[in-house]
Amino acid sequence: MKRIFITGISTDVGKTIASAIIAEALEADYWKPVQAGELNNSDSHKIAELISNNKTVIHDNSYTLKTAMSPHAAAEIDNVEIDLKKIIEPKTNNHLVIEGAGGLLVPLNKDDTVLDIVKPNYKVVVVSRHYLGSINHSLLTVEWLKNRGYDVSILFSGDEHFSTESIIAQKTKVPVIGRINEEEMFDKTVIKRYADKFKNILELL
């Protein structure tokens, strides 16, 4: 069964929407190891509202932190320390979509980053969204992952920006799943449409 880790080149680039689409396409389980902030409307809540299949199981966070900021700082406010040994992948016989927190090198504690919870067998999908500096952030993120030996793909998010997307694809030389366009809203219907569109390529990851 596939283990697909969703990371982004920064925060607010569309990781949760991408996670919903991939979970829907593969009818995969979903797990957000570390949730920081928005506990009443967490990413897990959003996934539950966006998927329409009956197979996906949404697993509990390993850490739920009250403040919407970098996990290491949010944990300090809550007077806890994130321990990698307590971030245990849920047991499932299904595919599993794992959503990271922020970007790849966001710190979890004084020693570890999000990258340290990405296991060697995980496929990694990097969500890239166009903004000033996004090419640099995309190339750095993919390069870190490739240097660690991960199987990496890119999923673009937002309005098309051909020159940005083409140079990222050219320089990274990793597969591009496609693009999630800027939609007026994302609901079950829109998520299902993208899930159907990407299903074949996702099954080949």
C-alpha atoms as a PDB file:
ATOM      1  CA  MET A   1       0.000   0.000   0.000  1.00  0.00           C
ATOM      2  CA  LYS A   2       1.215   3.490  -0.854  1.00  0.00           C
ATOM      3  CA  ARG A   3       2.386   5.989   1.732  1.00  0.00           C
ATOM      4  CA  ILE A   4       2.213   9.472   0.211  1.00  0.00           C
ATOM      5  CA  PHE A   5       3.626  12.417   2.132  1.00  0.00           C
ATOM      6  CA  ILE A   6       2.302  15.852   1.144  1.00  0.00           C
ATOM      7  CA  THR A   7       4.605  18.782   1.749  1.00  0.00           C
ATOM      8  CA  GLY A   8       4.635  22.341   0.438  1.00  0.00           C
ATOM      9  CA  ILE A   9       7.220  24.885  -0.603  1.00  0.00           C
ATOM     10  CA  SER A  10       5.814  27.192   2.089  1.00  0.00           C
ATOM     11  CA  THR A  11       2.714  27.569   4.223  1.00  0.00           C
ATOM     12  CA  ASP A  12      -0.729  28.206   2.688  1.00  0.00           C
ATOM     13  CA  VAL A  13       0.159  26.764  -0.716  1.00  0.00           C
ATOM     14  CA  GLY A  14      -2.684  24.234  -0.849  1.00  0.00           C
ATOM     15  CA  LYS A  15      -1.435  21.110   0.936  1.00  0.00           C
ATOM     16  CA  THR A  16      -4.795  20.270   2.508  1.00  0.00           C
ATOM     17  CA  ILE A  17      -6.704  20.595  -0.768  1.00  0.00           C
ATOM     18  CA  ALA A  18      -4.050  18.454  -2.452  1.00  0.00           C
ATOM     19  CA  SER A  19      -4.321  15.912   0.370  1.00  0.00           C
ATOM     20  CA  ALA A  20      -8.102  15.755  -0.028  1.00  0.00           C
ATOM     21  CA  ILE A  21      -7.825  15.219  -3.773  1.00  0.00           C
ATOM     22  CA  ILE A  22      -5.226  12.465  -3.420  1.00  0.00           C
ATOM     23  CA  ALA A  23      -7.111  10.761  -0.588  1.00  0.00           C
ATOM     24  CA  GLU A  24     -10.302  10.864  -2.676  1.00  0.00           C
ATOM     25  CA  ALA A  25      -8.568   9.593  -5.820  1.00  0.00           C
ATOM     26  CA  LEU A  26      -7.037   6.600  -4.038  1.00  0.00           C
ATOM     27  CA  GLU A  27      -9.765   6.233  -1.383  1.00  0.00           C
ATOM     28  CA  ALA A  28      -6.801   6.475   0.968  1.00  0.00           C
ATOM     29  CA  ASP A  29      -6.691   7.064   4.704  1.00  0.00           C
ATOM     30  CA  TYR A  30      -5.513  10.470   5.942  1.00  0.00           C
ATOM     31  CA  TRP A  31      -3.185  11.442   8.766  1.00  0.00           C
ATOM     32  CA  LYS A  32      -1.884  14.819   9.887  1.00  0.00           C
ATOM     33  CA  PRO A  33       0.854  14.018  12.444  1.00  0.00           C
ATOM     34  CA  VAL A  34       1.108  17.562  13.850  1.00  0.00           C
ATOM     35  CA  GLN A  35      -1.765  20.053  13.864  1.00  0.00           C
ATOM     36  CA  ALA A  36      -0.916  23.560  15.057  1.00  0.00           C
ATOM     37  CA  GLY A  37      -3.884  25.877  15.564  1.00  0.00           C
ATOM     38  CA  GLU A  38      -7.462  25.838  14.222  1.00  0.00           C
ATOM     39  CA  LEU A  39      -8.341  22.878  16.408  1.00  0.00           C
ATOM     40  CA  ASN A  40     -12.081  23.411  15.858  1.00  0.00           C
ATOM     41  CA  ASN A  41     -11.560  23.525  12.089  1.00  0.00           C
ATOM     42  CA  SER A  42      -8.407  21.466  11.685  1.00  0.00           C
ATOM     43  CA  ASP A  43      -7.034  20.018   8.479  1.00  0.00           C
ATOM     44  CA  SER A  44      -8.552  16.680   9.489  1.00  0.00           C
ATOM     45  CA  HIS A  45     -11.968  18.358   9.793  1.00  0.00           C
ATOM     46  CA  LYS A  46     -11.495  19.927   6.362  1.00  0.00           C
ATOM     47  CA  ILE A  47     -10.592  16.587   4.788  1.00  0.00           C
ATOM     48  CA  ALA A  48     -13.725  15.002   6.272  1.00  0.00           C
ATOM     49  CA  GLU A  49     -15.839  17.744   4.696  1.00  0.00           C
ATOM     50  CA  LEU A  50     -14.176  17.512   1.286  1.00  0.00           C
ATOM     51  CA  ILE A  51     -14.059  13.788   0.525  1.00  0.00           C
ATOM     52  CA  SER A  52     -17.066  11.783  -0.610  1.00  0.00           C
ATOM     53  CA  ASN A  53     -15.884   8.161  -0.584  1.00  0.00           C
ATOM     54  CA  ASN A  54     -16.793   5.826   2.282  1.00  0.00           C
ATOM     55  CA  LYS A  55     -13.426   4.087   2.570  1.00  0.00           C
ATOM     56  CA  THR A  56     -11.151   6.862   3.832  1.00  0.00           C
ATOM     57  CA  VAL A  57     -10.384   6.773   7.562  1.00  0.00           C
ATOM     58  CA  ILE A  58      -9.087   9.975   9.154  1.00  0.00           C
ATOM     59  CA  HIS A  59      -6.572   9.129  11.852  1.00  0.00           C
ATOM     60  CA  ASP A  60      -5.903  11.159  14.996  1.00  0.00           C
ATOM     61  CA  ASN A  61      -3.071  13.678  15.127  1.00  0.00           C
ATOM     62  CA  SER A  62      -0.030  12.666  17.110  1.00  0.00           C
ATOM     63  CA  TYR A  63       0.153  16.250  18.413  1.00  0.00           C
ATOM     64  CA  THR A  64      -2.603  18.865  18.535  1.00  0.00           C
ATOM     65  CA  LEU A  65      -1.190  22.279  19.413  1.00  0.00           C
ATOM     66  CA  LYS A  66      -3.317  25.308  20.201  1.00  0.00           C
ATOM     67  CA  THR A  67      -1.403  28.068  18.408  1.00  0.00           C
ATOM     68  CA  ALA A  68      -1.185  28.539  14.644  1.00  0.00           C
ATOM     69  CA  MET A  69       2.561  28.913  14.298  1.00  0.00           C
ATOM     70  CA  SER A  70       5.670  26.805  13.757  1.00  0.00           C
ATOM     71  CA  PRO A  71       5.181  23.492  15.633  1.00  0.00           C
ATOM     72  CA  HIS A  72       8.269  23.924  17.803  1.00  0.00           C
ATOM     73  CA  ALA A  73       7.038  27.324  18.994  1.00  0.00           C
ATOM     74  CA  ALA A  74       3.403  26.200  19.356  1.00  0.00           C
ATOM     75  CA  ALA A  75       4.587  23.229  21.415  1.00  0.00           C
ATOM     76  CA  GLU A  76       6.610  25.515  23.668  1.00  0.00           C
ATOM     77  CA  ILE A  77       3.513  27.645  24.326  1.00  0.00           C
ATOM     78  CA  ASP A  78       1.611  24.454  25.257  1.00  0.00           C
ATOM     79  CA  ASN A  79       4.518  23.417  27.493  1.00  0.00           C
ATOM     80  CA  VAL A  80       5.168  20.217  25.549  1.00  0.00           C
ATOM     81  CA  GLU A  81       8.061  19.008  23.421  1.00  0.00           C
ATOM     82  CA  ILE A  82       7.426  17.129  20.208  1.00  0.00           C
ATOM     83  CA  ASP A  83       9.074  13.713  20.398  1.00  0.00           C
ATOM     84  CA  LEU A  84       9.546  11.856  17.123  1.00  0.00           C
ATOM     85  CA  LYS A  85       9.143   8.554  18.954  1.00  0.00           C
ATOM     86  CA  LYS A  86       5.534   9.549  19.670  1.00  0.00           C
ATOM     87  CA  ILE A  87       4.777  10.287  16.030  1.00  0.00           C
ATOM     88  CA  ILE A  88       3.717   6.774  15.090  1.00  0.00           C
ATOM     89  CA  GLU A  89       2.234   6.005  11.698  1.00  0.00           C
ATOM     90  CA  PRO A  90      -1.298   4.643  12.177  1.00  0.00           C
ATOM     91  CA  LYS A  91      -1.832   1.010  11.342  1.00  0.00           C
ATOM     92  CA  THR A  92      -3.916   0.545   8.219  1.00  0.00           C
ATOM     93  CA  ASN A  93      -4.157  -1.865   5.320  1.00  0.00           C
ATOM     94  CA  ASN A  94      -5.193   1.025   3.092  1.00  0.00           C
ATOM     95  CA  HIS A  95      -3.167   3.635   1.236  1.00  0.00           C
ATOM     96  CA  LEU A  96      -2.219   6.507   3.548  1.00  0.00           C
ATOM     97  CA  VAL A  97      -1.935  10.214   2.758  1.00  0.00           C
ATOM     98  CA  ILE A  98       0.227  12.046   5.302  1.00  0.00           C
ATOM     99  CA  GLU A  99       0.111  15.836   5.424  1.00  0.00           C
ATOM    100  CA  GLY A 100       3.083  17.731   6.774  1.00  0.00           C
ATOM    101  CA  ALA A 101       3.051  21.031   8.643  1.00  0.00           C
ATOM    102  CA  GLY A 102       4.203  24.036   6.623  1.00  0.00           C
ATOM    103  CA  GLY A 103       7.329  23.436   4.574  1.00  0.00           C
ATOM    104  CA  LEU A 104       9.833  20.620   4.654  1.00  0.00           C
ATOM    105  CA  LEU A 105      12.308  22.163   7.092  1.00  0.00           C
ATOM    106  CA  VAL A 106       9.798  23.592   9.546  1.00  0.00           C
ATOM    107  CA  PRO A 107      11.176  22.751  13.006  1.00  0.00           C
ATOM    108  CA  LEU A 108       9.325  20.346  15.288  1.00  0.00           C
ATOM    109  CA  ASN A 109      11.748  20.834  18.172  1.00  0.00           C
ATOM    110  CA  LYS A 110      15.299  22.114  18.606  1.00  0.00           C
ATOM    111  CA  ASP A 111      16.738  19.184  16.655  1.00  0.00           C
ATOM    112  CA  ASP A 112      14.124  17.778  14.271  1.00  0.00           C
ATOM    113  CA  THR A 113      12.180  19.142  11.309  1.00  0.00           C
ATOM    114  CA  VAL A 114       9.207  17.910   9.294  1.00  0.00           C
ATOM    115  CA  LEU A 115      11.705  16.168   7.014  1.00  0.00           C
ATOM    116  CA  ASP A 116      12.624  13.854   9.891  1.00  0.00           C
ATOM    117  CA  ILE A 117       9.171  12.260   9.928  1.00  0.00           C
ATOM    118  CA  VAL A 118       9.304  11.394   6.215  1.00  0.00           C
ATOM    119  CA  LYS A 119      10.171   7.702   6.076  1.00  0.00           C
ATOM    120  CA  PRO A 120      12.342   6.249   3.292  1.00  0.00           C
ATOM    121  CA  ASN A 121       9.439   4.302   1.765  1.00  0.00           C
ATOM    122  CA  TYR A 122       7.182   7.353   1.459  1.00  0.00           C
ATOM    123  CA  LYS A 123       6.374   8.857  -1.923  1.00  0.00           C
ATOM    124  CA  VAL A 124       6.577  12.638  -1.574  1.00  0.00           C
ATOM    125  CA  VAL A 125       4.321  15.119  -3.357  1.00  0.00           C
ATOM    126  CA  VAL A 126       5.546  18.716  -3.257  1.00  0.00           C
ATOM    127  CA  VAL A 127       2.785  21.310  -3.614  1.00  0.00           C
ATOM    128  CA  SER A 128       4.150  24.367  -5.418  1.00  0.00           C
ATOM    129  CA  ARG A 129       2.233  27.633  -5.750  1.00  0.00           C
ATOM    130  CA  HIS A 130       3.436  30.647  -7.742  1.00  0.00           C
ATOM    131  CA  TYR A 131       4.624  33.711  -5.810  1.00  0.00           C
ATOM    132  CA  LEU A 132       7.767  35.832  -5.859  1.00  0.00           C
ATOM    133  CA  GLY A 133      10.443  33.414  -4.661  1.00  0.00           C
ATOM    134  CA  SER A 134       8.484  30.239  -5.348  1.00  0.00           C
ATOM    135  CA  ILE A 135      10.944  28.955  -7.947  1.00  0.00           C
ATOM    136  CA  ASN A 136      13.768  29.086  -5.437  1.00  0.00           C
ATOM    137  CA  HIS A 137      11.632  27.474  -2.724  1.00  0.00           C
ATOM    138  CA  SER A 138      10.478  24.733  -5.095  1.00  0.00           C
ATOM    139  CA  LEU A 139      13.962  23.883  -6.317  1.00  0.00           C
ATOM    140  CA  LEU A 140      15.390  23.836  -2.790  1.00  0.00           C
ATOM    141  CA  THR A 141      12.582  21.620  -1.480  1.00  0.00           C
ATOM    142  CA  VAL A 142      12.875  19.095  -4.300  1.00  0.00           C
ATOM    143  CA  GLU A 143      16.675  19.090  -4.117  1.00  0.00           C
ATOM    144  CA  TRP A 144      16.641  18.293  -0.390  1.00  0.00           C
ATOM    145  CA  LEU A 145      14.264  15.405  -1.025  1.00  0.00           C
ATOM    146  CA  LYS A 146      16.183  14.050  -4.012  1.00  0.00           C
ATOM    147  CA  ASN A 147      19.449  14.207  -2.069  1.00  0.00           C
ATOM    148  CA  ARG A 148      17.818  12.068   0.617  1.00  0.00           C
ATOM    149  CA  GLY A 149      16.751   9.527  -2.000  1.00  0.00           C
ATOM    150  CA  TYR A 150      12.990  10.120  -1.986  1.00  0.00           C
ATOM    151  CA  ASP A 151      10.635   9.459  -4.877  1.00  0.00           C
ATOM    152  CA  VAL A 152       9.361  12.998  -5.555  1.00  0.00           C
ATOM    153  CA  SER A 153       6.546  14.465  -7.664  1.00  0.00           C
ATOM    154  CA  ILE A 154       5.244  18.013  -7.992  1.00  0.00           C
ATOM    155  CA  LEU A 155       1.647  19.204  -7.886  1.00  0.00           C
ATOM    156  CA  PHE A 156       1.104  22.825  -8.874  1.00  0.00           C
ATOM    157  CA  SER A 157      -1.551  24.875  -7.087  1.00  0.00           C
ATOM    158  CA  GLY A 158      -3.260  28.092  -8.156  1.00  0.00           C
ATOM    159  CA  ASP A 159      -3.529  29.977 -11.424  1.00  0.00           C
ATOM    160  CA  GLU A 160      -1.249  28.829 -14.226  1.00  0.00           C
ATOM    161  CA  HIS A 161       2.095  30.586 -14.462  1.00  0.00           C
ATOM    162  CA  PHE A 162       3.801  28.921 -17.404  1.00  0.00           C
ATOM    163  CA  SER A 163       7.298  30.366 -17.052  1.00  0.00           C
ATOM    164  CA  THR A 164       7.443  29.419 -13.357  1.00  0.00           C
ATOM    165  CA  GLU A 165       6.047  25.926 -13.816  1.00  0.00           C
ATOM    166  CA  SER A 166       8.165  25.111 -16.858  1.00  0.00           C
ATOM    167  CA  ILE A 167      11.461  26.135 -15.246  1.00  0.00           C
ATOM    168  CA  ILE A 168      10.647  24.184 -12.080  1.00  0.00           C
ATOM    169  CA  ALA A 169       9.824  21.079 -14.115  1.00  0.00           C
ATOM    170  CA  GLN A 170      12.927  21.519 -16.280  1.00  0.00           C
ATOM    171  CA  LYS A 171      15.341  21.989 -13.403  1.00  0.00           C
ATOM    172  CA  THR A 172      13.950  19.407 -10.987  1.00  0.00           C
ATOM    173  CA  LYS A 173      13.360  16.699 -13.617  1.00  0.00           C
ATOM    174  CA  VAL A 174      10.693  15.088 -11.432  1.00  0.00           C
ATOM    175  CA  PRO A 175       7.184  14.057 -12.542  1.00  0.00           C
ATOM    176  CA  VAL A 176       4.480  16.713 -12.544  1.00  0.00           C
ATOM    177  CA  ILE A 177       1.072  15.396 -11.477  1.00  0.00           C
ATOM    178  CA  GLY A 178      -0.778  18.446 -12.777  1.00  0.00           C
ATOM    179  CA  ARG A 179      -2.266  21.640 -11.390  1.00  0.00           C
ATOM    180  CA  ILE A 180      -5.097  22.450  -9.016  1.00  0.00           C
ATOM    181  CA  ASN A 181      -6.533  25.656 -10.431  1.00  0.00           C
ATOM    182  CA  GLU A 182      -7.757  28.616  -8.422  1.00  0.00           C
ATOM    183  CA  GLU A 183     -11.421  27.731  -7.869  1.00  0.00           C
ATOM    184  CA  GLU A 184     -14.239  29.895  -6.529  1.00  0.00           C
ATOM    185  CA  MET A 185     -14.674  27.265  -3.834  1.00  0.00           C
ATOM    186  CA  PHE A 186     -13.571  23.737  -3.038  1.00  0.00           C
ATOM    187  CA  ASP A 187     -16.328  21.325  -2.113  1.00  0.00           C
ATOM    188  CA  LYS A 188     -16.921  17.605  -2.520  1.00  0.00           C
ATOM    189  CA  THR A 189     -17.856  17.999  -6.179  1.00  0.00           C
ATOM    190  CA  VAL A 190     -14.716  19.940  -7.099  1.00  0.00           C
ATOM    191  CA  ILE A 191     -12.478  17.607  -5.096  1.00  0.00           C
ATOM    192  CA  LYS A 192     -14.041  14.591  -6.847  1.00  0.00           C
ATOM    193  CA  ARG A 193     -13.480  16.195 -10.248  1.00  0.00           C
ATOM    194  CA  TYR A 194      -9.772  16.644  -9.568  1.00  0.00           C
ATOM    195  CA  ALA A 195      -9.559  13.186  -7.994  1.00  0.00           C
ATOM    196  CA  ASP A 196     -10.925  11.640 -11.182  1.00  0.00           C
ATOM    197  CA  LYS A 197      -8.567  13.756 -13.290  1.00  0.00           C
ATOM    198  CA  PHE A 198      -5.431  12.721 -11.356  1.00  0.00           C
ATOM    199  CA  LYS A 199      -6.451   9.171 -10.461  1.00  0.00           C
ATOM    200  CA  ASN A 200      -4.458   7.360 -13.139  1.00  0.00           C
ATOM    201  CA  ILE A 201      -1.173   9.178 -12.520  1.00  0.00           C
ATOM    202  CA  LEU A 202      -1.561   8.864  -8.738  1.00  0.00           C
ATOM    203  CA  GLU A 203      -2.059   5.137  -9.040  1.00  0.00           C
ATOM    204  CA  LEU A 204       1.317   4.956 -10.789  1.00  0.00           C
ATOM    205  CA  LEU A 205       3.245   6.778  -8.060  1.00  0.00           C
END
